[in-house]
N, C-alpha and C. Protein backbone atom coordinates (compact mmCIF):
# COMPACT_ATOMS: atom_id res chain seq x y z
N UNK A 1 46.11 -44.97 15.39
CA UNK A 1 47.29 -44.33 15.56
C UNK A 1 47.41 -43.18 14.44
N UNK A 2 47.05 -43.44 13.42
CA UNK A 2 46.98 -42.41 12.20
C UNK A 2 46.34 -41.06 12.63
N UNK A 3 44.91 -41.23 13.22
CA UNK A 3 44.27 -40.11 13.54
C UNK A 3 44.61 -39.56 15.00
N UNK A 4 45.47 -40.24 15.64
CA UNK A 4 45.90 -39.86 17.01
C UNK A 4 44.56 -39.67 17.92
N UNK A 5 43.84 -40.76 18.03
CA UNK A 5 42.53 -40.58 18.64
C UNK A 5 42.60 -41.97 19.48
N UNK A 6 41.90 -41.87 20.68
CA UNK A 6 41.58 -43.02 21.55
C UNK A 6 40.09 -43.53 21.25
N UNK A 7 39.80 -44.47 20.51
CA UNK A 7 38.50 -44.96 20.16
C UNK A 7 38.24 -46.18 20.78
N UNK A 8 37.05 -46.03 21.47
CA UNK A 8 36.43 -47.32 22.09
C UNK A 8 35.18 -47.61 21.10
N UNK A 9 35.37 -48.82 20.65
CA UNK A 9 34.23 -49.37 19.72
C UNK A 9 33.52 -50.46 20.43
N UNK A 10 32.21 -50.53 20.17
CA UNK A 10 31.28 -51.60 20.81
C UNK A 10 31.55 -52.91 20.25
N UNK A 11 31.56 -53.83 21.31
CA UNK A 11 31.61 -55.13 21.11
C UNK A 11 30.13 -55.63 20.84
N UNK A 12 30.16 -56.28 19.62
CA UNK A 12 28.85 -56.71 19.24
C UNK A 12 28.38 -58.07 19.90
N UNK A 13 27.12 -57.92 20.52
CA UNK A 13 26.70 -59.15 21.17
C UNK A 13 25.62 -59.87 20.35
N UNK A 14 25.55 -60.96 20.65
CA UNK A 14 24.49 -61.86 19.97
C UNK A 14 23.13 -61.23 20.28
N UNK A 15 22.80 -60.85 21.33
CA UNK A 15 21.44 -60.34 21.67
C UNK A 15 21.66 -58.83 21.77
N UNK A 16 21.01 -58.16 20.81
CA UNK A 16 20.94 -56.85 20.63
C UNK A 16 19.73 -56.32 21.40
N UNK A 17 19.64 -55.04 22.17
CA UNK A 17 18.55 -54.62 22.80
C UNK A 17 17.67 -53.96 21.81
N UNK A 18 16.39 -54.60 21.80
CA UNK A 18 15.41 -54.01 20.78
C UNK A 18 14.27 -53.28 21.85
N UNK A 19 13.94 -52.00 21.68
CA UNK A 19 13.04 -51.42 22.34
C UNK A 19 11.63 -51.29 21.81
N UNK A 20 10.71 -51.59 22.53
CA UNK A 20 9.30 -51.19 21.98
C UNK A 20 8.47 -50.80 23.34
N UNK A 21 7.82 -49.64 23.12
CA UNK A 21 7.11 -49.14 24.40
C UNK A 21 5.86 -48.40 24.10
N UNK A 22 5.27 -48.77 23.15
CA UNK A 22 3.91 -48.34 22.78
C UNK A 22 3.86 -46.87 22.46
N UNK A 23 2.81 -46.21 22.57
CA UNK A 23 2.47 -44.74 22.19
C UNK A 23 3.22 -43.80 23.17
N UNK A 24 3.49 -42.79 22.57
CA UNK A 24 4.14 -41.71 23.44
C UNK A 24 5.50 -41.35 23.21
N UNK A 25 6.04 -40.42 24.06
CA UNK A 25 7.35 -39.73 24.02
C UNK A 25 7.94 -40.13 25.35
N UNK A 26 9.20 -40.79 25.25
CA UNK A 26 9.95 -41.23 26.27
C UNK A 26 11.40 -40.99 26.27
N UNK A 27 12.06 -40.80 27.34
CA UNK A 27 13.49 -40.94 27.59
C UNK A 27 13.80 -42.56 27.72
N UNK A 28 14.87 -42.85 27.04
CA UNK A 28 15.39 -44.27 26.97
C UNK A 28 15.56 -44.81 28.43
N UNK A 29 16.03 -44.07 29.34
CA UNK A 29 16.23 -44.41 30.77
C UNK A 29 14.98 -44.72 31.37
N UNK A 30 13.87 -44.34 31.00
CA UNK A 30 12.63 -44.50 31.62
C UNK A 30 12.09 -45.88 31.36
N UNK A 31 12.77 -46.56 30.28
CA UNK A 31 12.43 -47.72 29.89
C UNK A 31 13.26 -48.86 30.47
N UNK A 32 14.58 -48.59 30.27
CA UNK A 32 15.79 -49.46 30.66
C UNK A 32 16.28 -49.19 32.04
N UNK A 33 16.09 -47.98 32.62
CA UNK A 33 16.68 -47.73 33.94
C UNK A 33 18.01 -47.28 33.86
N UNK A 34 18.87 -47.62 32.80
CA UNK A 34 20.24 -47.16 32.56
C UNK A 34 20.50 -47.45 31.21
N UNK A 35 21.39 -46.52 30.69
CA UNK A 35 21.86 -46.78 29.26
C UNK A 35 23.28 -46.80 29.09
N UNK A 36 23.95 -46.80 30.31
CA UNK A 36 25.41 -46.89 30.23
C UNK A 36 25.98 -47.99 29.41
N UNK A 37 25.45 -49.04 29.56
CA UNK A 37 25.91 -50.25 28.55
C UNK A 37 25.81 -49.91 27.24
N UNK A 38 25.00 -49.06 26.71
CA UNK A 38 24.57 -48.74 25.36
C UNK A 38 25.62 -47.47 25.04
N UNK A 39 25.65 -46.47 25.53
CA UNK A 39 26.42 -45.34 25.17
C UNK A 39 27.92 -45.08 25.61
N UNK A 40 28.22 -45.86 26.75
CA UNK A 40 29.73 -45.73 27.16
C UNK A 40 30.54 -46.85 26.86
N UNK A 41 30.15 -47.84 26.03
CA UNK A 41 30.96 -48.78 25.64
C UNK A 41 31.86 -49.57 26.76
N UNK A 42 31.16 -49.69 27.99
CA UNK A 42 31.84 -50.37 29.05
C UNK A 42 32.70 -49.52 29.77
N UNK A 43 32.88 -48.13 29.47
CA UNK A 43 33.86 -47.38 30.35
C UNK A 43 32.98 -47.04 31.67
N UNK A 44 33.87 -46.79 32.68
CA UNK A 44 33.22 -46.11 33.76
C UNK A 44 33.29 -44.69 33.69
N UNK A 45 32.51 -44.08 34.62
CA UNK A 45 32.40 -42.44 34.61
C UNK A 45 33.92 -42.03 34.86
N UNK A 46 34.69 -42.60 35.69
CA UNK A 46 36.07 -42.13 36.06
C UNK A 46 36.85 -42.22 34.72
N UNK A 47 36.71 -43.29 34.17
CA UNK A 47 37.53 -43.48 32.76
C UNK A 47 37.31 -42.32 31.67
N UNK A 48 35.94 -42.09 31.64
CA UNK A 48 35.44 -41.17 30.59
C UNK A 48 35.80 -39.75 30.99
N UNK A 49 35.85 -39.42 32.44
CA UNK A 49 36.35 -38.14 32.87
C UNK A 49 37.86 -37.93 32.48
N UNK A 50 38.53 -39.01 32.69
CA UNK A 50 40.19 -38.95 32.52
C UNK A 50 40.30 -38.67 30.96
N UNK A 51 39.55 -39.46 30.01
CA UNK A 51 39.73 -39.03 28.67
C UNK A 51 39.24 -37.60 28.20
N UNK A 52 38.17 -37.22 28.89
CA UNK A 52 37.81 -35.82 28.54
C UNK A 52 38.86 -34.85 28.89
N UNK A 53 39.38 -35.00 30.09
CA UNK A 53 40.38 -33.98 30.58
C UNK A 53 41.66 -33.80 29.52
N UNK A 54 42.02 -34.96 29.09
CA UNK A 54 43.16 -35.28 28.20
C UNK A 54 42.91 -35.06 26.66
N UNK A 55 41.63 -34.47 26.32
CA UNK A 55 41.34 -34.46 25.02
C UNK A 55 40.98 -33.00 24.60
N UNK A 56 41.05 -32.65 23.21
CA UNK A 56 40.55 -31.54 22.65
C UNK A 56 39.45 -31.66 21.85
N UNK A 57 39.14 -33.02 21.29
CA UNK A 57 37.93 -33.12 20.50
C UNK A 57 37.44 -34.55 20.79
N UNK A 58 36.03 -34.63 20.71
CA UNK A 58 35.39 -36.00 20.76
C UNK A 58 34.36 -36.15 19.86
N UNK A 59 34.26 -37.31 19.46
CA UNK A 59 33.10 -37.68 18.34
C UNK A 59 32.53 -39.03 18.82
N UNK A 60 31.25 -39.08 18.64
CA UNK A 60 30.47 -40.43 18.70
C UNK A 60 29.72 -40.67 17.55
N UNK A 61 29.58 -41.97 17.31
CA UNK A 61 28.72 -42.53 16.27
C UNK A 61 27.84 -43.69 16.68
N UNK A 62 26.54 -43.46 16.42
CA UNK A 62 25.62 -44.53 16.82
C UNK A 62 24.83 -45.04 15.65
N UNK A 63 24.29 -46.13 15.67
CA UNK A 63 23.43 -46.75 14.82
C UNK A 63 22.05 -46.98 15.29
N UNK A 64 21.29 -46.24 14.50
CA UNK A 64 19.71 -46.31 14.98
C UNK A 64 19.00 -47.20 14.12
N UNK A 65 18.55 -48.39 14.46
CA UNK A 65 17.65 -49.37 13.66
C UNK A 65 16.28 -49.11 13.93
N UNK A 66 15.46 -48.86 13.02
CA UNK A 66 13.99 -48.68 12.87
C UNK A 66 13.43 -50.01 12.53
N UNK A 67 12.40 -50.39 13.19
CA UNK A 67 11.71 -51.59 13.00
C UNK A 67 10.21 -51.39 12.99
N UNK A 68 9.37 -51.72 11.93
CA UNK A 68 7.98 -51.85 11.92
C UNK A 68 7.43 -50.49 11.97
N UNK A 69 8.25 -49.42 11.65
CA UNK A 69 7.60 -47.98 11.59
C UNK A 69 6.70 -48.02 10.48
N UNK A 70 5.39 -47.37 10.60
CA UNK A 70 4.48 -47.36 9.65
C UNK A 70 4.85 -46.69 8.36
N UNK A 71 5.51 -45.39 8.69
CA UNK A 71 5.74 -44.42 7.55
C UNK A 71 7.04 -45.01 6.71
N UNK A 72 6.80 -44.69 5.52
CA UNK A 72 8.01 -45.30 4.52
C UNK A 72 9.05 -44.30 4.75
N UNK A 73 8.86 -42.99 5.00
CA UNK A 73 9.80 -41.91 5.06
C UNK A 73 9.98 -41.61 6.63
N UNK A 74 10.58 -42.49 7.23
CA UNK A 74 10.68 -42.28 8.88
C UNK A 74 11.78 -41.29 8.99
N UNK A 75 11.68 -40.14 9.30
CA UNK A 75 12.64 -39.11 9.48
C UNK A 75 13.26 -39.06 10.90
N UNK A 76 14.36 -39.68 10.97
CA UNK A 76 14.95 -39.86 12.37
C UNK A 76 15.13 -38.52 13.07
N UNK A 77 15.56 -37.46 12.38
CA UNK A 77 15.77 -36.07 12.85
C UNK A 77 14.52 -35.51 13.45
N UNK A 78 13.28 -36.08 13.13
CA UNK A 78 12.15 -35.33 13.80
C UNK A 78 11.62 -36.37 14.97
N UNK A 79 12.30 -37.33 15.40
CA UNK A 79 11.86 -38.20 16.40
C UNK A 79 12.89 -38.47 17.50
N UNK A 80 14.17 -38.09 17.46
CA UNK A 80 15.21 -38.36 18.13
C UNK A 80 15.90 -37.10 18.75
N UNK A 81 16.22 -37.01 20.12
CA UNK A 81 17.08 -36.16 20.76
C UNK A 81 17.88 -36.82 21.62
N UNK A 82 18.99 -36.11 22.07
CA UNK A 82 19.96 -36.87 23.12
C UNK A 82 20.12 -36.01 24.26
N UNK A 83 20.47 -36.50 25.22
CA UNK A 83 20.98 -35.72 26.55
C UNK A 83 22.52 -35.85 26.53
N UNK A 84 23.22 -34.80 26.64
CA UNK A 84 24.71 -34.85 26.60
C UNK A 84 25.33 -35.22 27.82
N UNK A 85 26.46 -35.42 27.97
CA UNK A 85 27.08 -35.80 29.33
C UNK A 85 27.03 -34.54 30.22
N UNK A 86 26.96 -33.35 29.84
CA UNK A 86 26.75 -32.37 30.79
C UNK A 86 25.40 -31.80 30.74
N UNK A 87 24.30 -32.65 30.38
CA UNK A 87 22.97 -32.45 30.68
C UNK A 87 22.31 -31.37 29.64
N UNK A 88 22.91 -31.18 28.41
CA UNK A 88 22.33 -30.40 27.49
C UNK A 88 21.48 -31.17 26.49
N UNK A 89 20.38 -30.83 26.08
CA UNK A 89 19.67 -31.45 25.03
C UNK A 89 20.33 -31.17 23.64
N UNK A 90 20.51 -32.37 22.83
CA UNK A 90 21.04 -32.34 21.59
C UNK A 90 20.05 -32.76 20.50
N UNK A 91 19.76 -31.82 19.74
CA UNK A 91 18.62 -31.95 18.62
C UNK A 91 19.40 -32.03 17.35
N UNK A 92 18.68 -32.20 16.39
CA UNK A 92 19.22 -32.15 14.84
C UNK A 92 19.54 -30.83 14.46
N UNK A 93 19.12 -29.71 14.97
CA UNK A 93 19.36 -28.48 14.49
C UNK A 93 20.01 -27.58 15.62
N UNK A 94 21.14 -26.86 15.45
CA UNK A 94 21.52 -26.01 16.45
C UNK A 94 20.79 -24.80 16.78
N UNK A 95 20.49 -24.21 18.02
CA UNK A 95 19.80 -23.13 18.23
C UNK A 95 20.65 -22.17 19.25
N UNK A 96 20.27 -21.07 19.60
CA UNK A 96 21.09 -20.18 20.32
C UNK A 96 20.99 -20.67 21.74
N UNK A 97 20.09 -21.31 22.10
CA UNK A 97 20.05 -22.07 23.58
C UNK A 97 20.90 -23.44 23.51
N UNK A 98 20.60 -24.18 22.53
CA UNK A 98 21.36 -25.45 22.30
C UNK A 98 22.26 -25.45 21.04
N UNK A 99 23.40 -24.93 21.00
CA UNK A 99 24.21 -24.67 19.87
C UNK A 99 24.75 -26.04 19.42
N UNK A 100 24.79 -27.14 19.99
CA UNK A 100 25.45 -28.33 19.75
C UNK A 100 24.21 -29.34 18.97
N UNK A 101 24.61 -29.90 17.86
CA UNK A 101 23.51 -30.82 17.29
C UNK A 101 24.33 -32.16 16.72
N UNK A 102 23.36 -33.02 16.33
CA UNK A 102 23.84 -34.24 15.75
C UNK A 102 23.47 -34.18 14.19
N UNK A 103 24.16 -35.13 13.55
CA UNK A 103 23.84 -35.18 12.09
C UNK A 103 23.48 -36.61 11.85
N UNK A 104 22.70 -36.82 10.65
CA UNK A 104 22.31 -37.94 10.12
C UNK A 104 22.73 -37.97 8.66
N UNK A 105 23.99 -38.36 8.17
CA UNK A 105 24.34 -38.10 6.95
C UNK A 105 23.25 -38.72 5.75
N UNK A 106 22.96 -38.06 4.81
CA UNK A 106 21.87 -38.52 3.91
C UNK A 106 22.37 -39.88 3.28
N UNK A 107 23.60 -40.06 3.14
CA UNK A 107 24.19 -41.33 2.56
C UNK A 107 23.98 -42.61 3.41
N UNK A 108 23.79 -42.22 4.70
CA UNK A 108 23.57 -43.62 5.68
C UNK A 108 22.28 -43.47 6.47
N UNK A 109 21.21 -42.83 5.81
CA UNK A 109 19.99 -42.73 6.51
C UNK A 109 19.12 -43.78 5.84
N UNK A 110 19.23 -44.97 6.13
CA UNK A 110 18.50 -46.03 5.58
C UNK A 110 16.96 -46.12 6.25
N UNK A 111 16.63 -45.42 7.33
CA UNK A 111 15.32 -45.36 7.85
C UNK A 111 14.47 -44.34 7.01
N UNK A 112 14.98 -43.31 6.47
CA UNK A 112 14.34 -42.44 5.68
C UNK A 112 13.99 -42.94 4.46
N UNK A 113 14.68 -43.81 3.78
CA UNK A 113 14.58 -44.37 2.44
C UNK A 113 14.13 -45.91 2.25
N UNK A 114 13.42 -46.32 3.16
CA UNK A 114 13.15 -47.54 3.27
C UNK A 114 11.85 -48.01 2.88
N UNK A 115 11.27 -49.14 2.53
CA UNK A 115 9.86 -49.60 2.28
C UNK A 115 9.26 -49.73 3.55
N UNK A 116 7.90 -49.69 3.50
CA UNK A 116 7.14 -49.75 4.71
C UNK A 116 7.38 -50.84 5.59
N UNK A 117 7.57 -50.74 6.72
CA UNK A 117 7.86 -51.58 7.85
C UNK A 117 8.97 -52.58 7.59
N UNK A 118 9.77 -52.21 6.58
CA UNK A 118 11.16 -53.01 6.48
C UNK A 118 12.29 -52.57 7.49
N UNK A 119 12.76 -53.42 7.88
CA UNK A 119 13.96 -53.25 8.83
C UNK A 119 15.08 -52.23 8.29
N UNK A 120 15.53 -51.32 8.75
CA UNK A 120 16.55 -50.31 8.28
C UNK A 120 17.35 -49.84 9.36
N UNK A 121 18.48 -49.22 9.13
CA UNK A 121 19.27 -48.32 10.13
C UNK A 121 19.78 -47.19 9.51
N UNK A 122 20.17 -46.13 10.29
CA UNK A 122 20.71 -44.98 10.01
C UNK A 122 21.80 -44.75 11.01
N UNK A 123 22.72 -43.87 10.65
CA UNK A 123 24.06 -43.62 11.39
C UNK A 123 23.81 -42.12 11.91
N UNK A 124 24.00 -41.90 13.20
CA UNK A 124 23.89 -40.60 13.78
C UNK A 124 25.35 -40.29 14.23
N UNK A 125 25.67 -39.02 13.95
CA UNK A 125 27.07 -38.66 14.16
C UNK A 125 27.00 -37.41 15.12
N UNK A 126 27.87 -37.45 16.08
CA UNK A 126 28.07 -36.25 17.03
C UNK A 126 29.54 -35.92 17.03
N UNK A 127 30.00 -34.64 16.93
CA UNK A 127 31.39 -34.23 17.14
C UNK A 127 31.40 -32.86 17.71
N UNK A 128 32.46 -32.71 18.55
CA UNK A 128 32.55 -31.32 19.28
C UNK A 128 33.88 -31.11 19.86
N UNK A 129 34.23 -29.84 20.05
CA UNK A 129 35.49 -29.64 20.73
C UNK A 129 35.33 -29.42 22.31
N UNK A 130 33.81 -29.23 22.66
CA UNK A 130 33.63 -29.29 24.10
C UNK A 130 33.50 -30.75 24.51
N UNK A 131 34.69 -31.37 24.90
CA UNK A 131 34.76 -32.70 25.16
C UNK A 131 33.88 -33.26 26.43
N UNK A 132 33.33 -32.27 27.10
CA UNK A 132 32.45 -32.61 28.33
C UNK A 132 31.01 -32.80 27.80
N UNK A 133 30.67 -32.77 26.50
CA UNK A 133 29.40 -33.01 26.12
C UNK A 133 29.22 -34.35 25.75
N UNK A 134 30.32 -35.24 25.48
CA UNK A 134 30.01 -36.53 25.00
C UNK A 134 30.81 -37.57 25.97
N UNK A 135 30.26 -38.66 26.04
CA UNK A 135 29.33 -39.46 25.45
C UNK A 135 27.95 -38.96 25.68
N UNK A 136 26.92 -39.24 24.96
CA UNK A 136 25.46 -39.00 25.35
C UNK A 136 25.06 -39.88 26.49
N UNK A 137 24.09 -39.25 27.26
CA UNK A 137 23.70 -39.97 28.58
C UNK A 137 22.27 -40.78 28.32
N UNK A 138 21.55 -40.03 27.47
CA UNK A 138 20.13 -40.69 27.31
C UNK A 138 19.72 -40.18 25.98
N UNK A 139 18.61 -40.81 25.41
CA UNK A 139 18.02 -40.53 24.33
C UNK A 139 16.51 -40.49 24.38
N UNK A 140 15.86 -39.40 23.76
CA UNK A 140 14.42 -39.08 23.82
C UNK A 140 13.82 -39.59 22.47
N UNK A 141 12.78 -40.32 22.55
CA UNK A 141 12.10 -40.87 21.38
C UNK A 141 10.72 -40.22 21.40
N UNK A 142 10.33 -39.56 20.15
CA UNK A 142 9.10 -38.85 20.30
C UNK A 142 8.07 -39.57 18.99
N UNK A 143 6.84 -39.39 19.28
CA UNK A 143 5.78 -39.76 18.36
C UNK A 143 5.89 -41.20 17.93
N UNK A 144 6.00 -42.09 18.91
CA UNK A 144 5.81 -43.59 18.67
C UNK A 144 4.38 -43.69 18.74
N UNK A 145 3.77 -44.09 17.45
CA UNK A 145 2.33 -44.35 17.46
C UNK A 145 1.90 -45.58 17.66
N UNK A 146 2.44 -46.67 17.21
CA UNK A 146 2.03 -47.99 17.17
C UNK A 146 2.78 -48.80 18.12
N UNK A 147 2.02 -49.69 19.08
CA UNK A 147 2.82 -50.50 20.01
C UNK A 147 3.81 -51.51 19.14
N UNK A 148 3.59 -51.89 17.86
CA UNK A 148 4.46 -52.83 17.33
C UNK A 148 5.59 -52.19 16.69
N UNK A 149 5.72 -50.71 16.74
CA UNK A 149 6.98 -50.02 16.28
C UNK A 149 8.15 -50.24 17.47
N UNK A 150 9.27 -50.51 16.78
CA UNK A 150 10.42 -50.85 17.87
C UNK A 150 11.63 -50.12 17.17
N UNK A 151 12.74 -49.98 18.07
CA UNK A 151 13.88 -49.54 17.60
C UNK A 151 15.02 -50.11 18.46
N UNK A 152 16.24 -49.98 17.85
CA UNK A 152 17.30 -50.31 18.54
C UNK A 152 18.50 -49.37 18.20
N UNK A 153 19.24 -48.90 19.48
CA UNK A 153 20.24 -48.16 19.26
C UNK A 153 21.58 -48.70 19.75
N UNK A 154 22.62 -48.54 19.03
CA UNK A 154 23.85 -49.21 19.34
C UNK A 154 25.06 -48.09 19.13
N UNK A 155 25.93 -47.95 20.19
CA UNK A 155 26.95 -47.09 20.08
C UNK A 155 28.10 -47.79 19.19
N UNK A 156 28.32 -47.21 18.07
CA UNK A 156 29.45 -47.78 17.25
C UNK A 156 30.72 -47.54 17.81
N UNK A 157 30.99 -46.22 18.06
CA UNK A 157 32.43 -45.79 18.51
C UNK A 157 32.26 -44.50 19.16
N UNK A 158 33.17 -44.36 20.09
CA UNK A 158 33.38 -43.02 20.90
C UNK A 158 34.70 -42.76 20.67
N UNK A 159 35.25 -41.65 20.21
CA UNK A 159 36.70 -41.30 19.90
C UNK A 159 37.12 -39.99 20.62
N UNK A 160 38.18 -40.05 21.51
CA UNK A 160 38.79 -38.82 21.98
C UNK A 160 39.97 -38.54 21.19
N UNK A 161 40.20 -37.26 20.90
CA UNK A 161 41.54 -36.77 20.23
C UNK A 161 42.12 -35.79 21.07
């Protein structure tokens, strides 16, 4: 009520989806078939469109857990991209072709500052006045070198204002 937002927060489940897919670059949907349970917090497309039409801003916060990455300085910004609701790629840096970007606040980047193969997590934040860009539809993971490396992504909250 204080921020005048409608926020949908993730229900925490006992079993969290942990993904491991060997070497290569992949969209998450190529592994799971669907990521709606992960990024939409149980909303239907119709409900999301209703919120988008009635909002002027939207923000989304995700938690990315890195597990067994060999590098001690696992730079999340170099390995993760997203696909927006309206099919634009979202990277860590804005470009003239893709002006929307995500941030990983240095104070919450546990994957960057962890010991080798120690489990850690980082917060990814997205916010825009173009309400038709969020929630994200998919996530691209690059440069996974070791079949033992795994990750987990959880949508913490999706807020429309």
